[in-house]
């Protein structure tokens, strides 16, 4: 698995790429959760969003580790 990606001669860390992919996934998921009204069941929306981001980052990292090996 590459530790960094080469984008036209610029080396970008793998974690940065994974974090950007996760950010876009979290934005879509947050809008979906707000649309269906799931945030009415959440005590602290900021903490919930942070936990959601961390869990999805772990999932994306695990999938990319499995895919690139």
N, C-alpha and C. Protein backbone atom coordinates (compact mmCIF):
# COMPACT_ATOMS: atom_id res chain seq x y z
N UNK A 1 0.84 -1.16 0.00
CA UNK A 1 0.00 0.00 0.00
C UNK A 1 0.90 1.23 0.00
N UNK A 2 0.62 2.19 -0.88
CA UNK A 2 1.48 3.37 -0.94
C UNK A 2 1.28 4.27 0.28
N UNK A 3 2.40 4.80 0.77
CA UNK A 3 2.32 5.72 1.91
C UNK A 3 1.90 7.10 1.46
N UNK A 4 2.15 7.41 0.19
CA UNK A 4 1.71 8.68 -0.37
C UNK A 4 1.35 8.48 -1.84
N UNK A 5 0.57 9.41 -2.34
CA UNK A 5 0.14 9.36 -3.73
C UNK A 5 0.84 10.47 -4.50
N UNK A 6 1.21 10.19 -5.72
CA UNK A 6 1.90 11.15 -6.57
C UNK A 6 0.87 11.82 -7.48
N UNK A 7 0.64 13.10 -7.28
CA UNK A 7 -0.27 13.87 -8.13
C UNK A 7 0.55 14.89 -8.91
N UNK A 8 0.94 14.49 -10.12
CA UNK A 8 1.72 15.35 -11.02
C UNK A 8 2.99 15.86 -10.35
N UNK A 9 3.71 15.01 -9.67
CA UNK A 9 4.97 15.35 -9.06
C UNK A 9 4.87 15.84 -7.63
N UNK A 10 3.66 16.00 -7.12
CA UNK A 10 3.46 16.43 -5.73
C UNK A 10 3.01 15.22 -4.93
N UNK A 11 3.76 14.91 -3.90
CA UNK A 11 3.43 13.76 -3.07
C UNK A 11 2.43 14.18 -1.98
N UNK A 12 1.29 13.52 -1.98
CA UNK A 12 0.23 13.81 -1.03
C UNK A 12 0.13 12.62 -0.07
N UNK A 13 0.15 12.88 1.24
CA UNK A 13 0.06 11.77 2.19
C UNK A 13 -1.25 11.00 2.04
N UNK A 14 -1.16 9.71 2.24
CA UNK A 14 -2.32 8.83 2.11
C UNK A 14 -3.43 9.23 3.08
N UNK A 15 -3.05 9.61 4.29
CA UNK A 15 -4.06 9.98 5.28
C UNK A 15 -4.84 11.21 4.85
N UNK A 16 -4.19 12.16 4.20
CA UNK A 16 -4.89 13.36 3.72
C UNK A 16 -5.94 12.99 2.69
N UNK A 17 -5.60 12.10 1.79
CA UNK A 17 -6.55 11.65 0.77
C UNK A 17 -7.73 10.94 1.43
N UNK A 18 -7.44 10.08 2.40
CA UNK A 18 -8.51 9.36 3.09
C UNK A 18 -9.40 10.32 3.88
N UNK A 19 -8.80 11.35 4.48
CA UNK A 19 -9.59 12.31 5.24
C UNK A 19 -10.50 13.13 4.33
N UNK A 20 -10.04 13.47 3.13
CA UNK A 20 -10.88 14.21 2.20
C UNK A 20 -12.04 13.36 1.68
N UNK A 21 -11.76 12.09 1.41
CA UNK A 21 -12.83 11.18 0.98
C UNK A 21 -13.87 11.03 2.08
N UNK A 22 -13.39 10.90 3.31
CA UNK A 22 -14.30 10.77 4.45
C UNK A 22 -15.10 12.04 4.67
N UNK A 23 -14.49 13.19 4.46
CA UNK A 23 -15.20 14.46 4.63
C UNK A 23 -16.39 14.56 3.68
N UNK A 24 -16.19 14.19 2.43
CA UNK A 24 -17.29 14.23 1.47
C UNK A 24 -18.39 13.23 1.84
N UNK A 25 -18.00 12.07 2.33
CA UNK A 25 -18.99 11.08 2.74
C UNK A 25 -19.77 11.57 3.96
N UNK A 26 -19.10 12.23 4.90
CA UNK A 26 -19.77 12.73 6.10
C UNK A 26 -20.73 13.86 5.75
N UNK A 27 -20.35 14.72 4.82
CA UNK A 27 -21.24 15.81 4.41
C UNK A 27 -22.54 15.25 3.85
N UNK A 28 -22.42 14.25 2.99
CA UNK A 28 -23.62 13.63 2.42
C UNK A 28 -24.44 12.93 3.50
N UNK A 29 -23.78 12.21 4.39
CA UNK A 29 -24.48 11.49 5.45
C UNK A 29 -25.15 12.44 6.44
N UNK A 30 -24.51 13.57 6.75
CA UNK A 30 -25.11 14.56 7.65
C UNK A 30 -26.38 15.15 7.06
N UNK A 31 -26.34 15.45 5.76
CA UNK A 31 -27.54 15.99 5.10
C UNK A 31 -28.67 14.95 5.10
N UNK A 32 -28.32 13.70 4.89
CA UNK A 32 -29.32 12.64 4.91
C UNK A 32 -29.92 12.49 6.31
N UNK A 33 -29.07 12.52 7.33
CA UNK A 33 -29.56 12.40 8.70
C UNK A 33 -30.44 13.59 9.09
N UNK A 34 -30.08 14.77 8.65
CA UNK A 34 -30.90 15.95 8.93
C UNK A 34 -32.23 15.88 8.20
N UNK A 35 -32.21 15.34 6.98
CA UNK A 35 -33.43 15.27 6.19
C UNK A 35 -34.44 14.28 6.79
N UNK A 36 -33.94 13.16 7.31
CA UNK A 36 -34.87 12.18 7.89
C UNK A 36 -35.20 12.49 9.35
N UNK A 37 -34.55 13.49 9.94
CA UNK A 37 -34.86 13.90 11.31
C UNK A 37 -34.18 13.10 12.39
N UNK A 38 -33.07 12.47 12.09
CA UNK A 38 -32.38 11.64 13.07
C UNK A 38 -31.68 12.48 14.13
N UNK A 39 -31.41 13.74 13.84
CA UNK A 39 -30.71 14.58 14.81
C UNK A 39 -31.59 14.97 15.99
N UNK A 40 -32.88 14.72 15.93
CA UNK A 40 -33.74 14.99 17.08
C UNK A 40 -33.49 13.98 18.21
N UNK A 41 -32.89 12.85 17.88
CA UNK A 41 -32.57 11.82 18.87
C UNK A 41 -31.17 11.97 19.45
N UNK A 42 -30.40 12.93 18.95
CA UNK A 42 -29.00 13.10 19.33
C UNK A 42 -28.90 14.19 20.39
N UNK A 43 -28.13 13.91 21.44
CA UNK A 43 -27.99 14.87 22.53
C UNK A 43 -27.11 16.05 22.14
N UNK A 44 -25.94 15.79 21.56
CA UNK A 44 -25.00 16.83 21.20
C UNK A 44 -24.56 16.60 19.75
N UNK A 45 -25.06 17.44 18.86
CA UNK A 45 -24.84 17.21 17.43
C UNK A 45 -23.36 17.28 17.05
N UNK A 46 -22.61 18.18 17.65
CA UNK A 46 -21.19 18.30 17.32
C UNK A 46 -20.40 17.06 17.69
N UNK A 47 -20.65 16.52 18.87
CA UNK A 47 -19.97 15.30 19.29
C UNK A 47 -20.39 14.12 18.42
N UNK A 48 -21.65 14.07 18.07
CA UNK A 48 -22.13 13.00 17.20
C UNK A 48 -21.47 13.07 15.84
N UNK A 49 -21.35 14.28 15.28
CA UNK A 49 -20.71 14.43 13.98
C UNK A 49 -19.23 14.08 14.03
N UNK A 50 -18.56 14.44 15.11
CA UNK A 50 -17.15 14.07 15.26
C UNK A 50 -16.99 12.56 15.35
N UNK A 51 -17.83 11.90 16.14
CA UNK A 51 -17.77 10.45 16.26
C UNK A 51 -18.09 9.78 14.93
N UNK A 52 -19.04 10.32 14.20
CA UNK A 52 -19.38 9.79 12.88
C UNK A 52 -18.19 9.91 11.93
N UNK A 53 -17.50 11.04 11.97
CA UNK A 53 -16.33 11.25 11.12
C UNK A 53 -15.21 10.26 11.47
N UNK A 54 -14.95 10.07 12.75
CA UNK A 54 -13.88 9.15 13.17
C UNK A 54 -14.21 7.72 12.77
N UNK A 55 -15.45 7.31 12.96
CA UNK A 55 -15.85 5.95 12.58
C UNK A 55 -15.76 5.73 11.07
N UNK A 56 -16.19 6.72 10.30
CA UNK A 56 -16.11 6.58 8.85
C UNK A 56 -14.67 6.63 8.36
N UNK A 57 -13.82 7.43 9.02
CA UNK A 57 -12.41 7.46 8.64
C UNK A 57 -11.76 6.10 8.88
N UNK A 58 -12.12 5.47 9.98
CA UNK A 58 -11.60 4.13 10.24
C UNK A 58 -12.10 3.14 9.20
N UNK A 59 -13.36 3.24 8.82
CA UNK A 59 -13.92 2.34 7.82
C UNK A 59 -13.27 2.54 6.46
N UNK A 60 -13.09 3.79 6.07
CA UNK A 60 -12.46 4.08 4.78
C UNK A 60 -11.01 3.62 4.78
N UNK A 61 -10.32 3.82 5.90
CA UNK A 61 -8.94 3.37 6.01
C UNK A 61 -8.84 1.85 5.92
N UNK A 62 -9.75 1.17 6.58
CA UNK A 62 -9.74 -0.30 6.53
C UNK A 62 -10.04 -0.82 5.14
N UNK A 63 -11.00 -0.21 4.47
CA UNK A 63 -11.35 -0.64 3.11
C UNK A 63 -10.20 -0.36 2.16
N UNK A 64 -9.55 0.80 2.30
CA UNK A 64 -8.44 1.11 1.40
C UNK A 64 -7.25 0.20 1.68
N UNK A 65 -7.03 -0.18 2.91
CA UNK A 65 -5.94 -1.09 3.25
C UNK A 65 -6.20 -2.46 2.62
N UNK A 66 -7.46 -2.90 2.66
CA UNK A 66 -7.82 -4.18 2.07
C UNK A 66 -7.75 -4.11 0.55
N UNK A 67 -8.15 -2.98 -0.02
CA UNK A 67 -8.21 -2.85 -1.48
C UNK A 67 -6.83 -2.73 -2.10
N UNK A 68 -5.91 -2.01 -1.45
CA UNK A 68 -4.60 -1.75 -2.04
C UNK A 68 -3.56 -2.83 -1.73
N UNK A 69 -3.91 -3.85 -0.97
CA UNK A 69 -2.92 -4.90 -0.69
C UNK A 69 -3.18 -6.13 -1.51
